[in-house]
Amino acid sequence: MSLLPPPDNAYHGSRLAVWLLGLLIVVNAVRGSIHVFWADSGAGRIAGIDLAINGAPVVSLLAAVGVDQLVWAAIGVGVVLRYRRWIPALMAVLLAKQIAIAWVLWLWKPLGVEAPGKFGALAGLPLLALALWLSLRSASRPAGAGQS
């Protein structure tokens, strides 16, 4: 018995969606690495959060967010390399997640600092929506080209 199913790269969506997923993988890997491996999790140096009073919980929570980002980057790598059929489903999950993050950071529990992630949450929405749409479209193929 295997934990993962056999590879399935039967993907018929746009190649641009694959590249956008690749870009998202890199962004998640970089952000996640900063949150996990930097001593201040990027809170002070990047977001400008004052960590002088009780900053340890902020650093710890950002590190937990970083672990999540690194896991999603690893999932993305697996999908791009071995399970391309899952690209539309992954894009849908990532878009739903991004909508929830933007709602939390801007409306429900607004972030009180001008951190890059706050603006990235909004910037990622149209990019992920485009990537999802492209992944659901059948890529144009030259006449007579076989499908895999």
N, C-alpha and C. Protein backbone atom coordinates (compact mmCIF):
# COMPACT_ATOMS: atom_id res chain seq x y z
N MET A 1 0.85 -1.18 0.00
CA MET A 1 0.00 0.00 0.00
C MET A 1 0.89 1.24 0.00
N SER A 2 0.50 2.24 -0.76
CA SER A 2 1.27 3.46 -0.89
C SER A 2 0.50 4.64 -0.32
N LEU A 3 1.22 5.58 0.26
CA LEU A 3 0.59 6.78 0.81
C LEU A 3 0.03 7.66 -0.30
N LEU A 4 0.75 7.77 -1.40
CA LEU A 4 0.32 8.61 -2.51
C LEU A 4 -0.10 7.76 -3.69
N PRO A 5 -1.05 8.26 -4.49
CA PRO A 5 -1.44 7.52 -5.70
C PRO A 5 -0.33 7.62 -6.73
N PRO A 6 -0.42 6.81 -7.79
CA PRO A 6 0.59 6.89 -8.85
C PRO A 6 0.59 8.29 -9.47
N PRO A 7 1.71 8.73 -10.02
CA PRO A 7 1.76 10.05 -10.64
C PRO A 7 0.70 10.19 -11.73
N ASP A 8 0.16 11.39 -11.85
CA ASP A 8 -0.86 11.66 -12.85
C ASP A 8 -0.66 13.08 -13.35
N ASN A 9 0.01 13.21 -14.48
CA ASN A 9 0.28 14.52 -15.05
C ASN A 9 -0.61 14.84 -16.24
N ALA A 10 -1.80 14.21 -16.31
CA ALA A 10 -2.75 14.48 -17.38
C ALA A 10 -3.45 15.81 -17.11
N TYR A 11 -2.77 16.88 -17.42
CA TYR A 11 -3.27 18.24 -17.19
C TYR A 11 -3.50 18.90 -18.54
N HIS A 12 -4.65 19.53 -18.72
CA HIS A 12 -4.98 20.11 -20.01
C HIS A 12 -5.20 21.61 -19.93
N GLY A 13 -4.92 22.21 -18.79
CA GLY A 13 -5.09 23.65 -18.63
C GLY A 13 -3.91 24.41 -19.21
N SER A 14 -3.94 25.70 -19.02
CA SER A 14 -2.92 26.59 -19.55
C SER A 14 -1.57 26.37 -18.86
N ARG A 15 -0.51 26.46 -19.65
CA ARG A 15 0.84 26.37 -19.07
C ARG A 15 1.14 27.59 -18.20
N LEU A 16 0.49 28.71 -18.50
CA LEU A 16 0.69 29.91 -17.69
C LEU A 16 0.23 29.66 -16.25
N ALA A 17 -0.81 28.87 -16.06
CA ALA A 17 -1.26 28.53 -14.71
C ALA A 17 -0.20 27.74 -13.96
N VAL A 18 0.52 26.88 -14.68
CA VAL A 18 1.60 26.11 -14.06
C VAL A 18 2.71 27.07 -13.62
N TRP A 19 3.03 28.04 -14.46
CA TRP A 19 4.06 29.03 -14.12
C TRP A 19 3.62 29.90 -12.94
N LEU A 20 2.34 30.27 -12.91
CA LEU A 20 1.84 31.05 -11.78
C LEU A 20 1.91 30.24 -10.49
N LEU A 21 1.61 28.94 -10.58
CA LEU A 21 1.75 28.09 -9.40
C LEU A 21 3.22 28.02 -8.99
N GLY A 22 4.12 27.94 -9.95
CA GLY A 22 5.55 27.96 -9.64
C GLY A 22 5.96 29.23 -8.92
N LEU A 23 5.44 30.37 -9.38
CA LEU A 23 5.72 31.64 -8.71
C LEU A 23 5.20 31.61 -7.28
N LEU A 24 4.01 31.09 -7.08
CA LEU A 24 3.43 30.99 -5.74
C LEU A 24 4.26 30.07 -4.84
N ILE A 25 4.78 29.01 -5.41
CA ILE A 25 5.65 28.10 -4.65
C ILE A 25 6.88 28.85 -4.14
N VAL A 26 7.50 29.63 -5.01
CA VAL A 26 8.69 30.39 -4.62
C VAL A 26 8.34 31.42 -3.55
N VAL A 27 7.24 32.14 -3.73
CA VAL A 27 6.82 33.14 -2.74
C VAL A 27 6.57 32.48 -1.39
N ASN A 28 5.85 31.37 -1.38
CA ASN A 28 5.58 30.67 -0.11
C ASN A 28 6.86 30.16 0.52
N ALA A 29 7.78 29.64 -0.28
CA ALA A 29 9.03 29.13 0.27
C ALA A 29 9.87 30.25 0.89
N VAL A 30 9.92 31.40 0.23
CA VAL A 30 10.69 32.53 0.76
C VAL A 30 10.03 33.08 2.02
N ARG A 31 8.73 33.37 1.95
CA ARG A 31 8.04 33.91 3.12
C ARG A 31 8.10 32.93 4.28
N GLY A 32 7.84 31.67 4.00
CA GLY A 32 7.87 30.67 5.06
C GLY A 32 9.23 30.54 5.69
N SER A 33 10.27 30.58 4.87
CA SER A 33 11.63 30.49 5.41
C SER A 33 11.96 31.68 6.31
N ILE A 34 11.55 32.86 5.89
CA ILE A 34 11.78 34.05 6.72
C ILE A 34 11.07 33.89 8.06
N HIS A 35 9.79 33.50 8.01
CA HIS A 35 9.02 33.37 9.26
C HIS A 35 9.57 32.30 10.18
N VAL A 36 10.07 31.22 9.61
CA VAL A 36 10.57 30.12 10.44
C VAL A 36 12.00 30.35 10.90
N PHE A 37 12.89 30.82 10.02
CA PHE A 37 14.31 30.81 10.32
C PHE A 37 14.90 32.14 10.81
N TRP A 38 14.27 33.25 10.54
CA TRP A 38 14.78 34.51 11.06
C TRP A 38 14.45 34.62 12.55
N ALA A 39 15.33 35.17 13.31
CA ALA A 39 15.14 35.27 14.76
C ALA A 39 13.87 36.03 15.13
N ASP A 40 13.53 37.08 14.36
CA ASP A 40 12.32 37.86 14.66
C ASP A 40 11.15 37.48 13.77
N SER A 41 11.29 36.40 13.01
CA SER A 41 10.27 35.92 12.06
C SER A 41 9.88 36.97 11.02
N GLY A 42 10.69 38.00 10.88
CA GLY A 42 10.38 39.08 9.94
C GLY A 42 9.46 40.13 10.53
N ALA A 43 8.99 39.91 11.75
CA ALA A 43 8.04 40.85 12.37
C ALA A 43 8.65 42.22 12.56
N GLY A 44 9.86 42.28 13.07
CA GLY A 44 10.50 43.57 13.32
C GLY A 44 11.16 44.13 12.09
N ARG A 45 12.01 43.33 11.44
CA ARG A 45 12.80 43.81 10.31
C ARG A 45 11.97 44.12 9.07
N ILE A 46 10.91 43.37 8.85
CA ILE A 46 10.11 43.58 7.64
C ILE A 46 8.81 44.32 7.93
N ALA A 47 8.06 43.85 8.93
CA ALA A 47 6.74 44.43 9.19
C ALA A 47 6.79 45.65 10.11
N GLY A 48 7.93 45.86 10.77
CA GLY A 48 8.03 47.02 11.66
C GLY A 48 7.26 46.89 12.95
N ILE A 49 6.98 45.67 13.38
CA ILE A 49 6.26 45.44 14.63
C ILE A 49 7.23 45.59 15.79
N ASP A 50 6.84 46.36 16.79
CA ASP A 50 7.67 46.55 17.98
C ASP A 50 7.59 45.27 18.82
N LEU A 51 8.71 44.59 18.93
CA LEU A 51 8.76 43.32 19.65
C LEU A 51 9.34 43.48 21.06
N ALA A 52 9.56 44.72 21.49
CA ALA A 52 10.21 44.97 22.78
C ALA A 52 9.36 44.47 23.96
N ILE A 53 8.07 44.61 23.86
CA ILE A 53 7.19 44.17 24.95
C ILE A 53 6.39 42.96 24.47
N ASN A 54 6.68 41.82 25.07
CA ASN A 54 5.96 40.58 24.78
C ASN A 54 5.96 40.20 23.30
N GLY A 55 7.12 40.30 22.66
CA GLY A 55 7.22 39.98 21.25
C GLY A 55 7.32 38.50 20.94
N ALA A 56 7.66 37.69 21.94
CA ALA A 56 7.83 36.25 21.70
C ALA A 56 6.59 35.58 21.12
N PRO A 57 5.36 35.90 21.60
CA PRO A 57 4.19 35.26 20.98
C PRO A 57 4.01 35.64 19.52
N VAL A 58 4.34 36.87 19.16
CA VAL A 58 4.23 37.30 17.76
C VAL A 58 5.20 36.50 16.90
N VAL A 59 6.43 36.38 17.36
CA VAL A 59 7.46 35.63 16.63
C VAL A 59 7.04 34.17 16.49
N SER A 60 6.52 33.60 17.56
CA SER A 60 6.08 32.20 17.54
C SER A 60 4.91 31.99 16.58
N LEU A 61 3.93 32.88 16.61
CA LEU A 61 2.78 32.74 15.71
C LEU A 61 3.20 32.90 14.24
N LEU A 62 4.10 33.84 13.98
CA LEU A 62 4.59 34.00 12.61
C LEU A 62 5.38 32.78 12.15
N ALA A 63 6.12 32.17 13.07
CA ALA A 63 6.85 30.94 12.72
C ALA A 63 5.87 29.82 12.36
N ALA A 64 4.76 29.74 13.09
CA ALA A 64 3.74 28.73 12.77
C ALA A 64 3.13 29.00 11.39
N VAL A 65 2.89 30.26 11.07
CA VAL A 65 2.40 30.63 9.74
C VAL A 65 3.44 30.23 8.69
N GLY A 66 4.71 30.43 9.01
CA GLY A 66 5.79 30.07 8.09
C GLY A 66 5.83 28.58 7.80
N VAL A 67 5.60 27.77 8.83
CA VAL A 67 5.55 26.32 8.61
C VAL A 67 4.43 25.99 7.63
N ASP A 68 3.28 26.62 7.79
CA ASP A 68 2.15 26.40 6.88
C ASP A 68 2.55 26.80 5.44
N GLN A 69 3.24 27.92 5.30
CA GLN A 69 3.66 28.36 3.97
C GLN A 69 4.65 27.38 3.34
N LEU A 70 5.57 26.85 4.14
CA LEU A 70 6.52 25.87 3.62
C LEU A 70 5.83 24.57 3.21
N VAL A 71 4.84 24.16 3.98
CA VAL A 71 4.09 22.94 3.64
C VAL A 71 3.34 23.14 2.32
N TRP A 72 2.68 24.29 2.15
CA TRP A 72 1.96 24.56 0.90
C TRP A 72 2.92 24.64 -0.28
N ALA A 73 4.12 25.17 -0.05
CA ALA A 73 5.12 25.18 -1.12
C ALA A 73 5.50 23.76 -1.51
N ALA A 74 5.68 22.90 -0.53
CA ALA A 74 6.03 21.49 -0.81
C ALA A 74 4.89 20.78 -1.54
N ILE A 75 3.66 21.05 -1.14
CA ILE A 75 2.50 20.47 -1.83
C ILE A 75 2.48 20.95 -3.28
N GLY A 76 2.74 22.23 -3.48
CA GLY A 76 2.78 22.78 -4.84
C GLY A 76 3.84 22.12 -5.69
N VAL A 77 5.02 21.89 -5.13
CA VAL A 77 6.09 21.21 -5.87
C VAL A 77 5.63 19.81 -6.27
N GLY A 78 5.01 19.09 -5.35
CA GLY A 78 4.50 17.75 -5.66
C GLY A 78 3.47 17.77 -6.77
N VAL A 79 2.59 18.76 -6.74
CA VAL A 79 1.55 18.86 -7.77
C VAL A 79 2.18 19.18 -9.13
N VAL A 80 3.11 20.13 -9.16
CA VAL A 80 3.74 20.51 -10.43
C VAL A 80 4.55 19.36 -11.02
N LEU A 81 5.26 18.63 -10.17
CA LEU A 81 6.15 17.59 -10.68
C LEU A 81 5.47 16.24 -10.93
N ARG A 82 4.47 15.89 -10.12
CA ARG A 82 3.94 14.53 -10.19
C ARG A 82 2.42 14.43 -10.34
N TYR A 83 1.68 15.47 -10.00
CA TYR A 83 0.22 15.36 -9.97
C TYR A 83 -0.44 16.57 -10.63
N ARG A 84 -0.05 16.88 -11.84
CA ARG A 84 -0.56 18.10 -12.51
C ARG A 84 -2.08 18.09 -12.68
N ARG A 85 -2.69 16.94 -12.72
CA ARG A 85 -4.14 16.88 -12.83
C ARG A 85 -4.81 17.64 -11.66
N TRP A 86 -4.08 17.77 -10.55
CA TRP A 86 -4.61 18.42 -9.35
C TRP A 86 -4.44 19.93 -9.36
N ILE A 87 -3.84 20.51 -10.39
CA ILE A 87 -3.60 21.96 -10.40
C ILE A 87 -4.88 22.76 -10.22
N PRO A 88 -5.97 22.50 -10.96
CA PRO A 88 -7.18 23.29 -10.73
C PRO A 88 -7.71 23.18 -9.29
N ALA A 89 -7.70 21.98 -8.72
CA ALA A 89 -8.20 21.81 -7.35
C ALA A 89 -7.30 22.56 -6.37
N LEU A 90 -5.99 22.47 -6.57
CA LEU A 90 -5.06 23.18 -5.69
C LEU A 90 -5.27 24.69 -5.80
N MET A 91 -5.43 25.19 -7.01
CA MET A 91 -5.67 26.62 -7.21
C MET A 91 -6.96 27.06 -6.51
N ALA A 92 -8.00 26.24 -6.57
CA ALA A 92 -9.26 26.58 -5.91
C ALA A 92 -9.08 26.66 -4.39
N VAL A 93 -8.35 25.71 -3.82
CA VAL A 93 -8.09 25.72 -2.38
C VAL A 93 -7.26 26.95 -2.01
N LEU A 94 -6.22 27.24 -2.78
CA LEU A 94 -5.37 28.39 -2.48
C LEU A 94 -6.12 29.70 -2.63
N LEU A 95 -7.02 29.80 -3.60
CA LEU A 95 -7.84 31.00 -3.75
C LEU A 95 -8.77 31.16 -2.56
N ALA A 96 -9.42 30.08 -2.14
CA ALA A 96 -10.31 30.15 -0.96
C ALA A 96 -9.52 30.57 0.28
N LYS A 97 -8.35 30.03 0.43
CA LYS A 97 -7.48 30.38 1.55
C LYS A 97 -7.10 31.86 1.49
N GLN A 98 -6.75 32.35 0.30
CA GLN A 98 -6.37 33.75 0.13
C GLN A 98 -7.53 34.69 0.41
N ILE A 99 -8.73 34.32 0.01
CA ILE A 99 -9.92 35.13 0.30
C ILE A 99 -10.11 35.23 1.81
N ALA A 100 -9.97 34.12 2.50
CA ALA A 100 -10.13 34.11 3.96
C ALA A 100 -9.05 34.96 4.63
N ILE A 101 -7.82 34.85 4.16
CA ILE A 101 -6.72 35.64 4.74
C ILE A 101 -6.96 37.13 4.53
N ALA A 102 -7.35 37.53 3.33
CA ALA A 102 -7.63 38.95 3.06
C ALA A 102 -8.78 39.45 3.93
N TRP A 103 -9.81 38.65 4.08
CA TRP A 103 -10.95 39.04 4.91
C TRP A 103 -10.52 39.24 6.36
N VAL A 104 -9.71 38.33 6.88
CA VAL A 104 -9.24 38.45 8.26
C VAL A 104 -8.35 39.68 8.42
N LEU A 105 -7.35 39.84 7.55
CA LEU A 105 -6.37 40.92 7.72
C LEU A 105 -6.93 42.31 7.46
N TRP A 106 -7.97 42.40 6.64
CA TRP A 106 -8.50 43.72 6.28
C TRP A 106 -9.83 44.05 6.95
N LEU A 107 -10.66 43.02 7.24
CA LEU A 107 -12.02 43.31 7.74
C LEU A 107 -12.29 42.79 9.14
N TRP A 108 -12.08 41.52 9.37
CA TRP A 108 -12.51 40.92 10.63
C TRP A 108 -11.59 41.27 11.78
N LYS A 109 -10.29 41.05 11.60
CA LYS A 109 -9.29 41.37 12.62
C LYS A 109 -8.15 42.12 11.92
N PRO A 110 -8.40 43.38 11.57
CA PRO A 110 -7.42 44.13 10.77
C PRO A 110 -6.03 44.16 11.41
N LEU A 111 -5.05 43.98 10.57
CA LEU A 111 -3.66 44.03 11.00
C LEU A 111 -3.31 45.49 11.24
N GLY A 112 -2.82 45.80 12.41
CA GLY A 112 -2.57 47.18 12.79
C GLY A 112 -1.27 47.77 12.28
N VAL A 113 -0.56 47.07 11.43
CA VAL A 113 0.69 47.57 10.85
C VAL A 113 0.62 47.43 9.34
N GLU A 114 1.49 48.15 8.66
CA GLU A 114 1.53 48.11 7.20
C GLU A 114 2.51 47.02 6.73
N ALA A 115 2.28 45.81 7.16
CA ALA A 115 3.14 44.68 6.80
C ALA A 115 2.93 44.29 5.33
N PRO A 116 3.99 43.83 4.67
CA PRO A 116 3.85 43.42 3.27
C PRO A 116 2.79 42.33 3.08
N GLY A 117 2.66 41.42 4.04
CA GLY A 117 1.68 40.35 3.91
C GLY A 117 0.25 40.85 3.84
N LYS A 118 -0.01 41.98 4.48
CA LYS A 118 -1.36 42.57 4.45
C LYS A 118 -1.72 42.96 3.02
N PHE A 119 -0.77 43.58 2.32
CA PHE A 119 -1.03 44.00 0.94
C PHE A 119 -0.91 42.82 -0.01
N GLY A 120 -0.04 41.87 0.32
CA GLY A 120 0.08 40.66 -0.48
C GLY A 120 -1.19 39.84 -0.49
N ALA A 121 -1.93 39.91 0.63
CA ALA A 121 -3.20 39.18 0.70
C ALA A 121 -4.17 39.70 -0.36
N LEU A 122 -4.18 41.00 -0.58
CA LEU A 122 -5.05 41.57 -1.61
C LEU A 122 -4.48 41.34 -3.01
N ALA A 123 -3.19 41.53 -3.16
CA ALA A 123 -2.57 41.37 -4.48
C ALA A 123 -2.69 39.94 -4.98
N GLY A 124 -2.68 38.98 -4.07
CA GLY A 124 -2.76 37.58 -4.47
C GLY A 124 -4.13 37.16 -4.98
N LEU A 125 -5.18 37.89 -4.61
CA LEU A 125 -6.54 37.50 -5.02
C LEU A 125 -6.72 37.46 -6.54
N PRO A 126 -6.45 38.55 -7.26
CA PRO A 126 -6.65 38.47 -8.72
C PRO A 126 -5.68 37.49 -9.39
N LEU A 127 -4.47 37.40 -8.86
CA LEU A 127 -3.48 36.48 -9.44
C LEU A 127 -3.95 35.03 -9.30
N LEU A 128 -4.45 34.67 -8.12
CA LEU A 128 -4.94 33.29 -7.91
C LEU A 128 -6.22 33.04 -8.70
N ALA A 129 -7.09 34.05 -8.79
CA ALA A 129 -8.32 33.88 -9.58
C ALA A 129 -7.97 33.65 -11.05
N LEU A 130 -7.01 34.42 -11.56
CA LEU A 130 -6.55 34.23 -12.94
C LEU A 130 -5.94 32.85 -13.12
N ALA A 131 -5.09 32.44 -12.19
CA ALA A 131 -4.45 31.12 -12.29
C ALA A 131 -5.49 30.00 -12.27
N LEU A 132 -6.50 30.12 -11.42
CA LEU A 132 -7.57 29.11 -11.39
C LEU A 132 -8.30 29.07 -12.72
N TRP A 133 -8.66 30.23 -13.23
CA TRP A 133 -9.37 30.31 -14.50
C TRP A 133 -8.54 29.69 -15.62
N LEU A 134 -7.25 30.04 -15.66
CA LEU A 134 -6.38 29.48 -16.69
C LEU A 134 -6.22 27.97 -16.55
N SER A 135 -6.19 27.48 -15.31
CA SER A 135 -6.01 26.04 -15.11
C SER A 135 -7.24 25.26 -15.54
N LEU A 136 -8.39 25.91 -15.56
CA LEU A 136 -9.63 25.24 -15.96
C LEU A 136 -9.88 25.30 -17.47
N ARG A 137 -9.21 26.22 -18.14
CA ARG A 137 -9.34 26.33 -19.60
C ARG A 137 -8.53 25.24 -20.27
N SER A 138 -9.03 24.72 -21.34
CA SER A 138 -8.24 23.76 -22.12
C SER A 138 -7.19 24.53 -22.88
N ALA A 139 -5.98 24.11 -22.75
CA ALA A 139 -4.88 24.78 -23.48
C ALA A 139 -5.07 24.53 -24.96
N SER A 140 -4.82 25.55 -25.76
CA SER A 140 -4.96 25.38 -27.20
C SER A 140 -3.83 24.47 -27.69
N ARG A 141 -4.19 23.56 -28.53
CA ARG A 141 -3.21 22.61 -29.06
C ARG A 141 -3.21 22.74 -30.59
N PRO A 142 -2.06 22.60 -31.21
CA PRO A 142 -2.00 22.66 -32.67
C PRO A 142 -2.87 21.56 -33.28
N ALA A 143 -3.41 21.83 -34.45
CA ALA A 143 -4.25 20.85 -35.13
C ALA A 143 -3.47 19.56 -35.32
N GLY A 144 -4.11 18.47 -35.00
CA GLY A 144 -3.51 17.15 -35.18
C GLY A 144 -2.64 16.71 -34.03
N ALA A 145 -2.46 17.58 -33.02
CA ALA A 145 -1.61 17.21 -31.87
C ALA A 145 -2.39 16.26 -30.97
N GLY A 146 -1.75 15.23 -30.54
CA GLY A 146 -2.38 14.27 -29.64
C GLY A 146 -2.41 14.79 -28.23
N GLN A 147 -3.35 14.29 -27.45
CA GLN A 147 -3.44 14.68 -26.05
C GLN A 147 -2.85 13.60 -25.20
N SER A 148 -2.23 14.01 -24.11
CA SER A 148 -1.65 13.02 -23.21
C SER A 148 -2.51 12.84 -22.00
